[in-house]
Amino acid sequence: MTTVVETTAEDTKLARFRVVSLAEGVSFLILLGIAMPLKYAAHMPAPTMVFGMIHGLLFLAYLALAYAVKQTQDWDAKRFLVVLVASVLPTGPFWLHKSLKN
């Protein structure tokens, strides 16, 4: 017997946001934990430029998807503020990823 699971556009947006949230969190930790020490301790600025750009793009995607999910999930201002604050905390995206599980 096969079970059919319907996927709505809202579920897809939320799933996409959760993936981007994890990627943004990982890029933030790499930037802070690896690239920045290499820049200042080993005088190697290249990793900071590369991971800084990757993190910046993921951060912009995070913000855009957060707004899209806010619209589809009917988040109130408080919930949306928590999502925005989580994006600037080093482990915030990981906590958020877990809290958004369906």
N, C-alpha and C. Protein backbone atom coordinates (compact mmCIF):
# COMPACT_ATOMS: atom_id res chain seq x y z
N MET A 1 0.84 -1.16 0.00
CA MET A 1 0.00 0.00 0.00
C MET A 1 0.89 1.24 0.00
N THR A 2 0.63 2.14 -0.89
CA THR A 2 1.41 3.36 -1.04
C THR A 2 0.66 4.53 -0.43
N THR A 3 1.38 5.31 0.34
CA THR A 3 0.78 6.49 0.94
C THR A 3 1.17 7.70 0.11
N VAL A 4 0.19 8.49 -0.24
CA VAL A 4 0.43 9.70 -1.01
C VAL A 4 0.45 10.88 -0.04
N VAL A 5 1.54 11.63 -0.10
CA VAL A 5 1.67 12.80 0.75
C VAL A 5 1.56 14.04 -0.13
N GLU A 6 0.60 14.87 0.18
CA GLU A 6 0.42 16.09 -0.58
C GLU A 6 1.38 17.16 -0.05
N THR A 7 2.07 17.81 -0.97
CA THR A 7 2.97 18.89 -0.61
C THR A 7 2.38 20.19 -1.12
N THR A 8 2.16 21.09 -0.21
CA THR A 8 1.62 22.39 -0.60
C THR A 8 2.76 23.37 -0.85
N ALA A 9 2.44 24.48 -1.46
CA ALA A 9 3.44 25.52 -1.71
C ALA A 9 4.00 26.04 -0.40
N GLU A 10 3.15 26.10 0.63
CA GLU A 10 3.60 26.57 1.93
C GLU A 10 4.63 25.63 2.53
N ASP A 11 4.39 24.31 2.40
CA ASP A 11 5.34 23.32 2.91
C ASP A 11 6.67 23.42 2.17
N THR A 12 6.60 23.64 0.86
CA THR A 12 7.81 23.74 0.05
C THR A 12 8.63 24.96 0.45
N LYS A 13 7.96 26.10 0.65
CA LYS A 13 8.66 27.31 1.08
C LYS A 13 9.30 27.11 2.45
N LEU A 14 8.58 26.50 3.36
CA LEU A 14 9.11 26.26 4.69
C LEU A 14 10.31 25.32 4.63
N ALA A 15 10.21 24.26 3.84
CA ALA A 15 11.33 23.32 3.70
C ALA A 15 12.54 24.01 3.10
N ARG A 16 12.33 24.82 2.10
CA ARG A 16 13.42 25.57 1.46
C ARG A 16 14.05 26.53 2.48
N PHE A 17 13.23 27.19 3.27
CA PHE A 17 13.74 28.11 4.28
C PHE A 17 14.57 27.36 5.32
N ARG A 18 14.12 26.19 5.73
CA ARG A 18 14.86 25.41 6.72
C ARG A 18 16.24 25.01 6.19
N VAL A 19 16.32 24.64 4.92
CA VAL A 19 17.60 24.27 4.31
C VAL A 19 18.53 25.48 4.24
N VAL A 20 17.99 26.61 3.79
CA VAL A 20 18.80 27.83 3.71
C VAL A 20 19.23 28.28 5.11
N SER A 21 18.36 28.09 6.10
CA SER A 21 18.71 28.44 7.47
C SER A 21 19.93 27.64 7.94
N LEU A 22 19.93 26.35 7.67
CA LEU A 22 21.09 25.52 8.04
C LEU A 22 22.34 25.96 7.29
N ALA A 23 22.22 26.17 5.99
CA ALA A 23 23.38 26.58 5.19
C ALA A 23 23.92 27.92 5.67
N GLU A 24 23.04 28.85 6.00
CA GLU A 24 23.46 30.16 6.49
C GLU A 24 24.18 30.02 7.83
N GLY A 25 23.67 29.16 8.69
CA GLY A 25 24.31 28.93 9.98
C GLY A 25 25.69 28.31 9.84
N VAL A 26 25.82 27.33 8.96
CA VAL A 26 27.12 26.70 8.73
C VAL A 26 28.10 27.72 8.15
N SER A 27 27.65 28.51 7.19
CA SER A 27 28.54 29.50 6.59
C SER A 27 28.99 30.54 7.62
N PHE A 28 28.10 30.90 8.54
CA PHE A 28 28.44 31.84 9.59
C PHE A 28 29.51 31.27 10.51
N LEU A 29 29.34 30.00 10.91
CA LEU A 29 30.32 29.37 11.78
C LEU A 29 31.67 29.21 11.09
N ILE A 30 31.67 28.87 9.80
CA ILE A 30 32.93 28.76 9.05
C ILE A 30 33.61 30.13 8.97
N LEU A 31 32.81 31.15 8.70
CA LEU A 31 33.35 32.50 8.62
C LEU A 31 33.98 32.92 9.95
N LEU A 32 33.25 32.71 11.05
CA LEU A 32 33.75 33.12 12.36
C LEU A 32 34.85 32.21 12.90
N GLY A 33 34.70 30.92 12.69
CA GLY A 33 35.61 29.96 13.32
C GLY A 33 36.83 29.58 12.52
N ILE A 34 36.79 29.75 11.21
CA ILE A 34 37.92 29.35 10.38
C ILE A 34 38.49 30.53 9.59
N ALA A 35 37.62 31.21 8.82
CA ALA A 35 38.10 32.25 7.91
C ALA A 35 38.66 33.46 8.66
N MET A 36 37.96 33.93 9.69
CA MET A 36 38.44 35.11 10.41
C MET A 36 39.75 34.83 11.15
N PRO A 37 39.90 33.70 11.84
CA PRO A 37 41.21 33.42 12.45
C PRO A 37 42.33 33.31 11.41
N LEU A 38 42.02 32.73 10.25
CA LEU A 38 43.04 32.66 9.21
C LEU A 38 43.43 34.06 8.73
N LYS A 39 42.46 34.92 8.64
CA LYS A 39 42.74 36.29 8.18
C LYS A 39 43.65 37.03 9.17
N TYR A 40 43.32 36.94 10.44
CA TYR A 40 44.05 37.75 11.42
C TYR A 40 45.26 37.04 12.03
N ALA A 41 45.23 35.74 12.17
CA ALA A 41 46.36 35.03 12.78
C ALA A 41 47.39 34.60 11.74
N ALA A 42 46.92 34.19 10.56
CA ALA A 42 47.84 33.69 9.53
C ALA A 42 47.99 34.65 8.36
N HIS A 43 47.34 35.81 8.44
CA HIS A 43 47.41 36.82 7.38
C HIS A 43 47.00 36.26 6.02
N MET A 44 45.91 35.49 6.04
CA MET A 44 45.35 34.91 4.81
C MET A 44 43.93 35.46 4.62
N PRO A 45 43.77 36.55 3.87
CA PRO A 45 42.44 37.15 3.72
C PRO A 45 41.52 36.44 2.73
N ALA A 46 42.05 35.59 1.88
CA ALA A 46 41.24 34.95 0.83
C ALA A 46 40.05 34.15 1.38
N PRO A 47 40.24 33.31 2.41
CA PRO A 47 39.07 32.57 2.93
C PRO A 47 37.95 33.48 3.42
N THR A 48 38.33 34.62 4.01
CA THR A 48 37.31 35.55 4.50
C THR A 48 36.52 36.14 3.33
N MET A 49 37.22 36.45 2.25
CA MET A 49 36.51 37.00 1.09
C MET A 49 35.56 35.97 0.49
N VAL A 50 36.02 34.74 0.36
CA VAL A 50 35.19 33.69 -0.23
C VAL A 50 34.00 33.37 0.67
N PHE A 51 34.27 33.04 1.92
CA PHE A 51 33.18 32.66 2.81
C PHE A 51 32.32 33.85 3.21
N GLY A 52 32.90 35.04 3.19
CA GLY A 52 32.11 36.24 3.44
C GLY A 52 31.07 36.44 2.35
N MET A 53 31.46 36.22 1.10
CA MET A 53 30.52 36.36 -0.01
C MET A 53 29.44 35.27 0.04
N ILE A 54 29.87 34.04 0.30
CA ILE A 54 28.91 32.94 0.39
C ILE A 54 27.92 33.20 1.52
N HIS A 55 28.45 33.60 2.68
CA HIS A 55 27.58 33.87 3.81
C HIS A 55 26.64 35.04 3.51
N GLY A 56 27.14 36.06 2.86
CA GLY A 56 26.29 37.20 2.51
C GLY A 56 25.14 36.82 1.60
N LEU A 57 25.43 36.01 0.60
CA LEU A 57 24.37 35.56 -0.31
C LEU A 57 23.34 34.69 0.42
N LEU A 58 23.84 33.80 1.27
CA LEU A 58 22.92 32.95 2.04
C LEU A 58 22.10 33.77 3.03
N PHE A 59 22.70 34.81 3.60
CA PHE A 59 21.98 35.68 4.51
C PHE A 59 20.84 36.40 3.79
N LEU A 60 21.12 36.89 2.59
CA LEU A 60 20.07 37.55 1.79
C LEU A 60 18.96 36.57 1.42
N ALA A 61 19.34 35.34 1.05
CA ALA A 61 18.34 34.32 0.75
C ALA A 61 17.51 34.00 2.00
N TYR A 62 18.18 33.93 3.15
CA TYR A 62 17.49 33.69 4.42
C TYR A 62 16.43 34.76 4.67
N LEU A 63 16.82 36.01 4.50
CA LEU A 63 15.88 37.11 4.74
C LEU A 63 14.70 37.06 3.77
N ALA A 64 14.98 36.83 2.49
CA ALA A 64 13.91 36.78 1.49
C ALA A 64 12.96 35.62 1.76
N LEU A 65 13.52 34.46 2.07
CA LEU A 65 12.67 33.30 2.33
C LEU A 65 11.92 33.45 3.66
N ALA A 66 12.55 34.08 4.63
CA ALA A 66 11.87 34.32 5.91
C ALA A 66 10.63 35.17 5.68
N TYR A 67 10.76 36.19 4.85
CA TYR A 67 9.61 37.04 4.56
C TYR A 67 8.53 36.26 3.81
N ALA A 68 8.94 35.44 2.84
CA ALA A 68 7.96 34.65 2.08
C ALA A 68 7.24 33.66 2.99
N VAL A 69 7.98 33.01 3.88
CA VAL A 69 7.36 32.06 4.81
C VAL A 69 6.47 32.78 5.81
N LYS A 70 6.87 33.97 6.22
CA LYS A 70 6.03 34.78 7.13
C LYS A 70 4.66 34.99 6.51
N GLN A 71 4.62 35.27 5.23
CA GLN A 71 3.36 35.50 4.54
C GLN A 71 2.51 34.23 4.47
N THR A 72 3.14 33.11 4.12
CA THR A 72 2.38 31.86 3.94
C THR A 72 2.00 31.20 5.25
N GLN A 73 2.83 31.38 6.29
CA GLN A 73 2.56 30.74 7.58
C GLN A 73 1.81 31.65 8.54
N ASP A 74 1.52 32.86 8.13
CA ASP A 74 0.82 33.85 8.96
C ASP A 74 1.53 34.10 10.29
N TRP A 75 2.86 34.29 10.22
CA TRP A 75 3.60 34.60 11.43
C TRP A 75 3.23 36.00 11.90
N ASP A 76 3.13 36.17 13.20
CA ASP A 76 2.92 37.51 13.74
C ASP A 76 4.28 38.23 13.81
N ALA A 77 4.24 39.50 14.20
CA ALA A 77 5.46 40.31 14.23
C ALA A 77 6.49 39.75 15.21
N LYS A 78 6.02 39.21 16.33
CA LYS A 78 6.94 38.67 17.34
C LYS A 78 7.70 37.46 16.78
N ARG A 79 6.98 36.55 16.14
CA ARG A 79 7.62 35.35 15.56
C ARG A 79 8.62 35.75 14.48
N PHE A 80 8.24 36.70 13.65
CA PHE A 80 9.14 37.15 12.58
C PHE A 80 10.38 37.81 13.17
N LEU A 81 10.23 38.56 14.25
CA LEU A 81 11.37 39.19 14.91
C LEU A 81 12.32 38.13 15.47
N VAL A 82 11.77 37.06 16.04
CA VAL A 82 12.60 35.96 16.55
C VAL A 82 13.39 35.34 15.40
N VAL A 83 12.76 35.14 14.26
CA VAL A 83 13.43 34.58 13.08
C VAL A 83 14.56 35.50 12.62
N LEU A 84 14.32 36.80 12.62
CA LEU A 84 15.35 37.75 12.20
C LEU A 84 16.51 37.79 13.20
N VAL A 85 16.21 37.77 14.49
CA VAL A 85 17.27 37.77 15.50
C VAL A 85 18.09 36.48 15.41
N ALA A 86 17.43 35.36 15.16
CA ALA A 86 18.14 34.08 15.04
C ALA A 86 19.17 34.12 13.91
N SER A 87 18.92 34.93 12.90
CA SER A 87 19.85 34.97 11.76
C SER A 87 21.18 35.62 12.10
N VAL A 88 21.24 36.42 13.16
CA VAL A 88 22.49 37.10 13.49
C VAL A 88 23.21 36.48 14.69
N LEU A 89 22.65 35.41 15.24
CA LEU A 89 23.30 34.69 16.33
C LEU A 89 24.03 33.49 15.73
N PRO A 90 25.24 33.20 16.20
CA PRO A 90 26.01 32.10 15.60
C PRO A 90 25.29 30.75 15.55
N THR A 91 24.52 30.41 16.59
CA THR A 91 23.81 29.12 16.57
C THR A 91 22.30 29.30 16.37
N GLY A 92 21.87 30.52 16.13
CA GLY A 92 20.45 30.80 15.96
C GLY A 92 19.79 30.01 14.83
N PRO A 93 20.39 29.93 13.65
CA PRO A 93 19.76 29.19 12.57
C PRO A 93 19.55 27.70 12.88
N PHE A 94 20.43 27.11 13.68
CA PHE A 94 20.28 25.69 14.03
C PHE A 94 19.10 25.50 14.97
N TRP A 95 18.98 26.39 15.95
CA TRP A 95 17.82 26.35 16.86
C TRP A 95 16.54 26.55 16.06
N LEU A 96 16.56 27.52 15.15
CA LEU A 96 15.38 27.83 14.35
C LEU A 96 14.99 26.64 13.48
N HIS A 97 15.98 26.01 12.85
CA HIS A 97 15.73 24.85 12.00
C HIS A 97 14.96 23.78 12.78
N LYS A 98 15.41 23.53 14.00
CA LYS A 98 14.77 22.51 14.84
C LYS A 98 13.37 22.95 15.26
N SER A 99 13.20 24.23 15.57
CA SER A 99 11.89 24.69 16.05
C SER A 99 10.84 24.77 14.94
N LEU A 100 11.28 24.79 13.68
CA LEU A 100 10.33 24.87 12.57
C LEU A 100 9.91 23.52 12.01
N LYS A 101 10.34 22.43 12.66
CA LYS A 101 9.93 21.11 12.18
C LYS A 101 8.44 20.98 12.22
N ASN A 102 7.91 20.34 11.19
CA ASN A 102 6.44 20.13 11.13
C ASN A 102 6.02 18.99 12.00
